[in-house]
Amino acid sequence: MATCEHVKSLPDAAPEPRTPQGCEECLKEGTRWVHLRLCLSCGHVGCCDSSPMRHASEHFRAEGHPVVRSFEPGEDWRWCFVDELIV
């Protein structure tokens, strides 16, 4: 079974969402999203890869923050962009 070393570098507590009402960039641009992801390094809220603009992936590429969690009600899974694993 594959493992992810990136979760070891995460803060003990998840950061507060910088924009709890939705995707930061979509709100600024007036675009829409499908689902939201919370960056566990800095609290950036971005839209998923099923969304037209894919801002969560864009944030990973720009900032190098590897792990996000679902920011959808009732979901608590995490994803590592580097290892491409649910962690």
PDB file of N, CA and C in Angstrom:
ATOM      1  N   MET A   1       0.839  -1.183   0.000  1.00  0.00           N
ATOM      2  CA  MET A   1       0.000   0.000   0.000  1.00  0.00           C
ATOM      3  C   MET A   1       0.886   1.249   0.000  1.00  0.00           C
ATOM      4  N   ALA A   2       0.589   2.191  -0.855  1.00  0.00           N
ATOM      5  CA  ALA A   2       1.372   3.420  -0.971  1.00  0.00           C
ATOM      6  C   ALA A   2       1.095   4.339   0.214  1.00  0.00           C
ATOM      7  N   THR A   3       2.113   5.091   0.596  1.00  0.00           N
ATOM      8  CA  THR A   3       1.960   6.053   1.686  1.00  0.00           C
ATOM      9  C   THR A   3       2.365   7.438   1.213  1.00  0.00           C
ATOM     10  N   CYS A   4       1.977   8.424   1.999  1.00  0.00           N
ATOM     11  CA  CYS A   4       2.270   9.815   1.662  1.00  0.00           C
ATOM     12  C   CYS A   4       3.025  10.456   2.823  1.00  0.00           C
ATOM     13  N   GLU A   5       4.226  10.895   2.562  1.00  0.00           N
ATOM     14  CA  GLU A   5       5.042  11.557   3.582  1.00  0.00           C
ATOM     15  C   GLU A   5       4.620  13.009   3.795  1.00  0.00           C
ATOM     16  N   HIS A   6       3.843  13.574   2.873  1.00  0.00           N
ATOM     17  CA  HIS A   6       3.478  14.992   2.953  1.00  0.00           C
ATOM     18  C   HIS A   6       2.557  15.305   4.125  1.00  0.00           C
ATOM     19  N   VAL A   7       1.774  14.319   4.560  1.00  0.00           N
ATOM     20  CA  VAL A   7       0.869  14.571   5.681  1.00  0.00           C
ATOM     21  C   VAL A   7       1.636  14.842   6.969  1.00  0.00           C
ATOM     22  N   LYS A   8       2.876  14.366   7.073  1.00  0.00           N
ATOM     23  CA  LYS A   8       3.687  14.600   8.267  1.00  0.00           C
ATOM     24  C   LYS A   8       4.056  16.072   8.436  1.00  0.00           C
ATOM     25  N   SER A   9       4.081  16.810   7.339  1.00  0.00           N
ATOM     26  CA  SER A   9       4.482  18.225   7.410  1.00  0.00           C
ATOM     27  C   SER A   9       3.296  19.174   7.603  1.00  0.00           C
ATOM     28  N   LEU A  10       2.092  18.632   7.732  1.00  0.00           N
ATOM     29  CA  LEU A  10       0.909  19.476   7.902  1.00  0.00           C
ATOM     30  C   LEU A  10       0.832  20.014   9.326  1.00  0.00           C
ATOM     31  N   PRO A  11       0.222  21.186   9.507  1.00  0.00           N
ATOM     32  CA  PRO A  11       0.006  21.684  10.870  1.00  0.00           C
ATOM     33  C   PRO A  11      -0.870  20.716  11.658  1.00  0.00           C
ATOM     34  N   ASP A  12      -0.757  20.767  12.987  1.00  0.00           N
ATOM     35  CA  ASP A  12      -1.557  19.883  13.840  1.00  0.00           C
ATOM     36  C   ASP A  12      -3.054  20.077  13.634  1.00  0.00           C
ATOM     37  N   ALA A  13      -3.461  21.325  13.482  1.00  0.00           N
ATOM     38  CA  ALA A  13      -4.881  21.640  13.247  1.00  0.00           C
ATOM     39  C   ALA A  13      -5.031  22.213  11.845  1.00  0.00           C
ATOM     40  N   ALA A  14      -6.140  21.889  11.197  1.00  0.00           N
ATOM     41  CA  ALA A  14      -6.411  22.445   9.865  1.00  0.00           C
ATOM     42  C   ALA A  14      -6.514  23.965   9.974  1.00  0.00           C
ATOM     43  N   PRO A  15      -5.941  24.685   9.016  1.00  0.00           N
ATOM     44  CA  PRO A  15      -6.035  26.146   9.045  1.00  0.00           C
ATOM     45  C   PRO A  15      -7.464  26.618   8.818  1.00  0.00           C
ATOM     46  N   GLU A  16      -7.762  27.793   9.314  1.00  0.00           N
ATOM     47  CA  GLU A  16      -9.070  28.391   9.061  1.00  0.00           C
ATOM     48  C   GLU A  16      -9.199  28.692   7.576  1.00  0.00           C
ATOM     49  N   PRO A  17     -10.349  28.421   6.972  1.00  0.00           N
ATOM     50  CA  PRO A  17     -10.546  28.748   5.552  1.00  0.00           C
ATOM     51  C   PRO A  17     -10.453  30.251   5.335  1.00  0.00           C
ATOM     52  N   ARG A  18      -9.656  30.656   4.349  1.00  0.00           N
ATOM     53  CA  ARG A  18      -9.500  32.088   4.055  1.00  0.00           C
ATOM     54  C   ARG A  18     -10.781  32.666   3.481  1.00  0.00           C
ATOM     55  N   THR A  19     -11.530  31.873   2.741  1.00  0.00           N
ATOM     56  CA  THR A  19     -12.792  32.316   2.139  1.00  0.00           C
ATOM     57  C   THR A  19     -13.826  31.215   2.339  1.00  0.00           C
ATOM     58  N   PRO A  20     -14.467  31.160   3.511  1.00  0.00           N
ATOM     59  CA  PRO A  20     -15.378  30.043   3.784  1.00  0.00           C
ATOM     60  C   PRO A  20     -16.626  30.006   2.911  1.00  0.00           C
ATOM     61  N   GLN A  21     -16.942  31.088   2.216  1.00  0.00           N
ATOM     62  CA  GLN A  21     -18.163  31.104   1.404  1.00  0.00           C
ATOM     63  C   GLN A  21     -17.972  30.548  -0.011  1.00  0.00           C
ATOM     64  N   GLY A  22     -16.737  30.166  -0.378  1.00  0.00           N
ATOM     65  CA  GLY A  22     -16.537  29.587  -1.701  1.00  0.00           C
ATOM     66  C   GLY A  22     -15.111  29.707  -2.193  1.00  0.00           C
ATOM     67  N   CYS A  23     -14.903  29.342  -3.447  1.00  0.00           N
ATOM     68  CA  CYS A  23     -13.595  29.406  -4.079  1.00  0.00           C
ATOM     69  C   CYS A  23     -13.138  30.861  -4.175  1.00  0.00           C
ATOM     70  N   GLU A  24     -11.946  31.135  -3.635  1.00  0.00           N
ATOM     71  CA  GLU A  24     -11.433  32.511  -3.624  1.00  0.00           C
ATOM     72  C   GLU A  24     -11.429  33.136  -5.022  1.00  0.00           C
ATOM     73  N   GLU A  25     -10.835  32.426  -5.963  1.00  0.00           N
ATOM     74  CA  GLU A  25     -10.689  32.979  -7.308  1.00  0.00           C
ATOM     75  C   GLU A  25     -12.018  33.062  -8.052  1.00  0.00           C
ATOM     76  N   CYS A  26     -12.856  32.036  -7.917  1.00  0.00           N
ATOM     77  CA  CYS A  26     -14.163  32.068  -8.594  1.00  0.00           C
ATOM     78  C   CYS A  26     -15.008  33.238  -8.088  1.00  0.00           C
ATOM     79  N   LEU A  27     -14.960  33.489  -6.795  1.00  0.00           N
ATOM     80  CA  LEU A  27     -15.712  34.619  -6.249  1.00  0.00           C
ATOM     81  C   LEU A  27     -15.215  35.938  -6.835  1.00  0.00           C
ATOM     82  N   LYS A  28     -13.897  36.080  -6.978  1.00  0.00           N
ATOM     83  CA  LYS A  28     -13.314  37.304  -7.559  1.00  0.00           C
ATOM     84  C   LYS A  28     -13.648  37.433  -9.043  1.00  0.00           C
ATOM     85  N   GLU A  29     -13.612  36.297  -9.761  1.00  0.00           N
ATOM     86  CA  GLU A  29     -13.797  36.294 -11.218  1.00  0.00           C
ATOM     87  C   GLU A  29     -15.257  36.218 -11.648  1.00  0.00           C
ATOM     88  N   GLY A  30     -16.126  35.843 -10.730  1.00  0.00           N
ATOM     89  CA  GLY A  30     -17.531  35.663 -11.087  1.00  0.00           C
ATOM     90  C   GLY A  30     -17.785  34.367 -11.838  1.00  0.00           C
ATOM     91  N   THR A  31     -16.911  33.371 -11.631  1.00  0.00           N
ATOM     92  CA  THR A  31     -17.093  32.071 -12.269  1.00  0.00           C
ATOM     93  C   THR A  31     -17.713  31.107 -11.258  1.00  0.00           C
ATOM     94  N   ARG A  32     -18.068  29.911 -11.724  1.00  0.00           N
ATOM     95  CA  ARG A  32     -18.752  28.957 -10.857  1.00  0.00           C
ATOM     96  C   ARG A  32     -17.841  27.777 -10.535  1.00  0.00           C
ATOM     97  N   TRP A  33     -18.215  27.045  -9.498  1.00  0.00           N
ATOM     98  CA  TRP A  33     -17.481  25.845  -9.116  1.00  0.00           C
ATOM     99  C   TRP A  33     -18.449  24.689  -8.905  1.00  0.00           C
ATOM    100  N   VAL A  34     -17.883  23.467  -8.874  1.00  0.00           N
ATOM    101  CA  VAL A  34     -18.667  22.261  -8.624  1.00  0.00           C
ATOM    102  C   VAL A  34     -18.511  21.849  -7.158  1.00  0.00           C
ATOM    103  N   HIS A  35     -17.271  21.627  -6.732  1.00  0.00           N
ATOM    104  CA  HIS A  35     -16.962  21.254  -5.347  1.00  0.00           C
ATOM    105  C   HIS A  35     -15.753  22.063  -4.890  1.00  0.00           C
ATOM    106  N   LEU A  36     -15.576  22.152  -3.574  1.00  0.00           N
ATOM    107  CA  LEU A  36     -14.507  22.961  -3.004  1.00  0.00           C
ATOM    108  C   LEU A  36     -13.480  22.095  -2.286  1.00  0.00           C
ATOM    109  N   ARG A  37     -12.227  22.598  -2.250  1.00  0.00           N
ATOM    110  CA  ARG A  37     -11.127  21.940  -1.561  1.00  0.00           C
ATOM    111  C   ARG A  37     -10.437  22.968  -0.661  1.00  0.00           C
ATOM    112  N   LEU A  38     -10.031  22.534   0.540  1.00  0.00           N
ATOM    113  CA  LEU A  38      -9.324  23.386   1.494  1.00  0.00           C
ATOM    114  C   LEU A  38      -7.867  22.974   1.546  1.00  0.00           C
ATOM    115  N   CYS A  39      -6.964  23.900   1.278  1.00  0.00           N
ATOM    116  CA  CYS A  39      -5.531  23.641   1.388  1.00  0.00           C
ATOM    117  C   CYS A  39      -5.189  23.491   2.865  1.00  0.00           C
ATOM    118  N   LEU A  40      -4.574  22.382   3.228  1.00  0.00           N
ATOM    119  CA  LEU A  40      -4.262  22.126   4.622  1.00  0.00           C
ATOM    120  C   LEU A  40      -2.957  22.767   5.054  1.00  0.00           C
ATOM    121  N   SER A  41      -2.280  23.467   4.145  1.00  0.00           N
ATOM    122  CA  SER A  41      -1.087  24.225   4.515  1.00  0.00           C
ATOM    123  C   SER A  41      -1.423  25.659   4.882  1.00  0.00           C
ATOM    124  N   CYS A  42      -2.353  26.280   4.118  1.00  0.00           N
ATOM    125  CA  CYS A  42      -2.572  27.722   4.306  1.00  0.00           C
ATOM    126  C   CYS A  42      -4.031  28.153   4.435  1.00  0.00           C
ATOM    127  N   GLY A  43      -4.983  27.262   4.180  1.00  0.00           N
ATOM    128  CA  GLY A  43      -6.388  27.634   4.290  1.00  0.00           C
ATOM    129  C   GLY A  43      -7.015  28.169   3.012  1.00  0.00           C
ATOM    130  N   HIS A  44      -6.300  28.136   1.901  1.00  0.00           N
ATOM    131  CA  HIS A  44      -6.864  28.558   0.615  1.00  0.00           C
ATOM    132  C   HIS A  44      -8.046  27.661   0.274  1.00  0.00           C
ATOM    133  N   VAL A  45      -9.138  28.237  -0.164  1.00  0.00           N
ATOM    134  CA  VAL A  45     -10.290  27.470  -0.634  1.00  0.00           C
ATOM    135  C   VAL A  45     -10.336  27.605  -2.147  1.00  0.00           C
ATOM    136  N   GLY A  46     -10.231  26.468  -2.836  1.00  0.00           N
ATOM    137  CA  GLY A  46     -10.253  26.463  -4.292  1.00  0.00           C
ATOM    138  C   GLY A  46     -11.233  25.431  -4.808  1.00  0.00           C
ATOM    139  N   CYS A  47     -11.579  25.560  -6.071  1.00  0.00           N
ATOM    140  CA  CYS A  47     -12.528  24.637  -6.689  1.00  0.00           C
ATOM    141  C   CYS A  47     -11.811  23.392  -7.207  1.00  0.00           C
ATOM    142  N   CYS A  48     -12.555  22.298  -7.287  1.00  0.00           N
ATOM    143  CA  CYS A  48     -12.018  20.993  -7.668  1.00  0.00           C
ATOM    144  C   CYS A  48     -11.732  20.906  -9.171  1.00  0.00           C
ATOM    145  N   ASP A  49     -11.151  19.784  -9.567  1.00  0.00           N
ATOM    146  CA  ASP A  49     -10.829  19.576 -10.979  1.00  0.00           C
ATOM    147  C   ASP A  49     -12.044  19.295 -11.845  1.00  0.00           C
ATOM    148  N   SER A  50     -13.211  19.064 -11.255  1.00  0.00           N
ATOM    149  CA  SER A  50     -14.445  18.953 -12.029  1.00  0.00           C
ATOM    150  C   SER A  50     -15.038  20.326 -12.318  1.00  0.00           C
ATOM    151  N   SER A  51     -14.527  21.341 -11.660  1.00  0.00           N
ATOM    152  CA  SER A  51     -14.964  22.723 -11.878  1.00  0.00           C
ATOM    153  C   SER A  51     -14.258  23.286 -13.099  1.00  0.00           C
ATOM    154  N   PRO A  52     -14.864  24.230 -13.787  1.00  0.00           N
ATOM    155  CA  PRO A  52     -14.257  24.759 -15.011  1.00  0.00           C
ATOM    156  C   PRO A  52     -12.855  25.355 -14.821  1.00  0.00           C
ATOM    157  N   MET A  53     -12.601  26.016 -13.686  1.00  0.00           N
ATOM    158  CA  MET A  53     -11.340  26.736 -13.518  1.00  0.00           C
ATOM    159  C   MET A  53     -10.266  25.959 -12.741  1.00  0.00           C
ATOM    160  N   ARG A  54     -10.628  24.930 -12.005  1.00  0.00           N
ATOM    161  CA  ARG A  54      -9.679  24.048 -11.305  1.00  0.00           C
ATOM    162  C   ARG A  54      -8.690  24.816 -10.419  1.00  0.00           C
ATOM    163  N   HIS A  55      -9.204  25.719  -9.591  1.00  0.00           N
ATOM    164  CA  HIS A  55      -8.338  26.584  -8.793  1.00  0.00           C
ATOM    165  C   HIS A  55      -7.565  25.868  -7.689  1.00  0.00           C
ATOM    166  N   ALA A  56      -8.057  24.766  -7.143  1.00  0.00           N
ATOM    167  CA  ALA A  56      -7.303  24.035  -6.117  1.00  0.00           C
ATOM    168  C   ALA A  56      -6.012  23.467  -6.713  1.00  0.00           C
ATOM    169  N   SER A  57      -6.095  22.876  -7.891  1.00  0.00           N
ATOM    170  CA  SER A  57      -4.902  22.360  -8.566  1.00  0.00           C
ATOM    171  C   SER A  57      -3.957  23.489  -8.945  1.00  0.00           C
ATOM    172  N   GLU A  58      -4.520  24.599  -9.389  1.00  0.00           N
ATOM    173  CA  GLU A  58      -3.709  25.765  -9.745  1.00  0.00           C
ATOM    174  C   GLU A  58      -2.942  26.267  -8.514  1.00  0.00           C
ATOM    175  N   HIS A  59      -3.613  26.293  -7.363  1.00  0.00           N
ATOM    176  CA  HIS A  59      -2.962  26.710  -6.117  1.00  0.00           C
ATOM    177  C   HIS A  59      -1.806  25.769  -5.779  1.00  0.00           C
ATOM    178  N   PHE A  60      -2.020  24.465  -5.921  1.00  0.00           N
ATOM    179  CA  PHE A  60      -0.937  23.507  -5.677  1.00  0.00           C
ATOM    180  C   PHE A  60       0.255  23.789  -6.591  1.00  0.00           C
ATOM    181  N   ARG A  61       0.009  23.991  -7.870  1.00  0.00           N
ATOM    182  CA  ARG A  61       1.110  24.238  -8.810  1.00  0.00           C
ATOM    183  C   ARG A  61       1.839  25.542  -8.487  1.00  0.00           C
ATOM    184  N   ALA A  62       1.120  26.561  -8.072  1.00  0.00           N
ATOM    185  CA  ALA A  62       1.734  27.858  -7.779  1.00  0.00           C
ATOM    186  C   ALA A  62       2.460  27.876  -6.438  1.00  0.00           C
ATOM    187  N   GLU A  63       1.874  27.240  -5.423  1.00  0.00           N
ATOM    188  CA  GLU A  63       2.404  27.347  -4.062  1.00  0.00           C
ATOM    189  C   GLU A  63       3.140  26.099  -3.574  1.00  0.00           C
ATOM    190  N   GLY A  64       2.890  24.969  -4.223  1.00  0.00           N
ATOM    191  CA  GLY A  64       3.530  23.732  -3.805  1.00  0.00           C
ATOM    192  C   GLY A  64       2.944  23.114  -2.547  1.00  0.00           C
ATOM    193  N   HIS A  65       1.765  23.562  -2.142  1.00  0.00           N
ATOM    194  CA  HIS A  65       1.104  22.982  -0.967  1.00  0.00           C
ATOM    195  C   HIS A  65       0.442  21.674  -1.398  1.00  0.00           C
ATOM    196  N   PRO A  66       0.917  20.537  -0.896  1.00  0.00           N
ATOM    197  CA  PRO A  66       0.528  19.254  -1.486  1.00  0.00           C
ATOM    198  C   PRO A  66      -0.818  18.666  -1.089  1.00  0.00           C
ATOM    199  N   VAL A  67      -1.322  18.960   0.125  1.00  0.00           N
ATOM    200  CA  VAL A  67      -2.492  18.224   0.616  1.00  0.00           C
ATOM    201  C   VAL A  67      -3.694  19.141   0.805  1.00  0.00           C
ATOM    202  N   VAL A  68      -4.831  18.701   0.274  1.00  0.00           N
ATOM    203  CA  VAL A  68      -6.103  19.401   0.456  1.00  0.00           C
ATOM    204  C   VAL A  68      -7.085  18.423   1.083  1.00  0.00           C
ATOM    205  N   ARG A  69      -8.134  18.971   1.648  1.00  0.00           N
ATOM    206  CA  ARG A  69      -9.248  18.115   2.073  1.00  0.00           C
ATOM    207  C   ARG A  69     -10.511  18.644   1.412  1.00  0.00           C
ATOM    208  N   SER A  70     -11.477  17.772   1.311  1.00  0.00           N
ATOM    209  CA  SER A  70     -12.758  18.210   0.772  1.00  0.00           C
ATOM    210  C   SER A  70     -13.324  19.295   1.678  1.00  0.00           C
ATOM    211  N   PHE A  71     -13.888  20.320   1.077  1.00  0.00           N
ATOM    212  CA  PHE A  71     -14.534  21.397   1.829  1.00  0.00           C
ATOM    213  C   PHE A  71     -16.033  21.330   1.618  1.00  0.00           C
ATOM    214  N   GLU A  72     -16.514  20.109   1.392  1.00  0.00           N
ATOM    215  CA  GLU A  72     -17.935  19.858   1.205  1.00  0.00           C
ATOM    216  C   GLU A  72     -18.530  19.329   2.503  1.00  0.00           C
ATOM    217  N   PRO A  73     -19.744  19.739   2.841  1.00  0.00           N
ATOM    218  CA  PRO A  73     -20.383  19.257   4.072  1.00  0.00           C
ATOM    219  C   PRO A  73     -20.468  17.728   4.098  1.00  0.00           C
ATOM    220  N   GLY A  74     -20.092  17.152   5.237  1.00  0.00           N
ATOM    221  CA  GLY A  74     -20.178  15.713   5.414  1.00  0.00           C
ATOM    222  C   GLY A  74     -19.027  14.911   4.838  1.00  0.00           C
ATOM    223  N   GLU A  75     -18.054  15.566   4.210  1.00  0.00           N
ATOM    224  CA  GLU A  75     -16.905  14.851   3.641  1.00  0.00           C
ATOM    225  C   GLU A  75     -15.650  15.227   4.430  1.00  0.00           C
ATOM    226  N   ASP A  76     -14.775  14.230   4.677  1.00  0.00           N
ATOM    227  CA  ASP A  76     -13.557  14.530   5.423  1.00  0.00           C
ATOM    228  C   ASP A  76     -12.307  13.896   4.822  1.00  0.00           C
ATOM    229  N   TRP A  77     -12.361  13.478   3.567  1.00  0.00           N
ATOM    230  CA  TRP A  77     -11.200  12.871   2.938  1.00  0.00           C
ATOM    231  C   TRP A  77     -10.167  13.938   2.546  1.00  0.00           C
ATOM    232  N   ARG A  78      -8.914  13.492   2.418  1.00  0.00           N
ATOM    233  CA  ARG A  78      -7.806  14.365   2.019  1.00  0.00           C
ATOM    234  C   ARG A  78      -7.132  13.790   0.778  1.00  0.00           C
ATOM    235  N   TRP A  79      -6.546  14.676  -0.012  1.00  0.00           N
ATOM    236  CA  TRP A  79      -5.892  14.285  -1.263  1.00  0.00           C
ATOM    237  C   TRP A  79      -4.500  14.908  -1.314  1.00  0.00           C
ATOM    238  N   CYS A  80      -3.502  14.109  -1.698  1.00  0.00           N
ATOM    239  CA  CYS A  80      -2.151  14.623  -1.926  1.00  0.00           C
ATOM    240  C   CYS A  80      -1.944  14.756  -3.435  1.00  0.00           C
ATOM    241  N   PHE A  81      -1.704  15.989  -3.884  1.00  0.00           N
ATOM    242  CA  PHE A  81      -1.461  16.227  -5.313  1.00  0.00           C
ATOM    243  C   PHE A  81      -0.160  15.600  -5.778  1.00  0.00           C
ATOM    244  N   VAL A  82       0.866  15.590  -4.930  1.00  0.00           N
ATOM    245  CA  VAL A  82       2.178  15.054  -5.322  1.00  0.00           C
ATOM    246  C   VAL A  82       2.101  13.550  -5.531  1.00  0.00           C
ATOM    247  N   ASP A  83       1.568  12.853  -4.534  1.00  0.00           N
ATOM    248  CA  ASP A  83       1.517  11.397  -4.601  1.00  0.00           C
ATOM    249  C   ASP A  83       0.282  10.852  -5.311  1.00  0.00           C
ATOM    250  N   GLU A  84      -0.664  11.756  -5.603  1.00  0.00           N
ATOM    251  CA  GLU A  84      -1.927  11.390  -6.241  1.00  0.00           C
ATOM    252  C   GLU A  84      -2.614  10.258  -5.475  1.00  0.00           C
ATOM    253  N   LEU A  85      -2.785  10.507  -4.150  1.00  0.00           N
ATOM    254  CA  LEU A  85      -3.385   9.519  -3.252  1.00  0.00           C
ATOM    255  C   LEU A  85      -4.389  10.184  -2.342  1.00  0.00           C
ATOM    256  N   ILE A  86      -5.422   9.431  -1.986  1.00  0.00           N
ATOM    257  CA  ILE A  86      -6.272   9.848  -0.886  1.00  0.00           C
ATOM    258  C   ILE A  86      -5.512   9.484   0.383  1.00  0.00           C
ATOM    259  N   VAL A  87      -5.337  10.479   1.237  1.00  0.00           N
ATOM    260  CA  VAL A  87      -4.531  10.273   2.445  1.00  0.00           C
ATOM    261  C   VAL A  87      -5.371  10.561   3.662  1.00  0.00           C
TER     262      VAL A  87
END
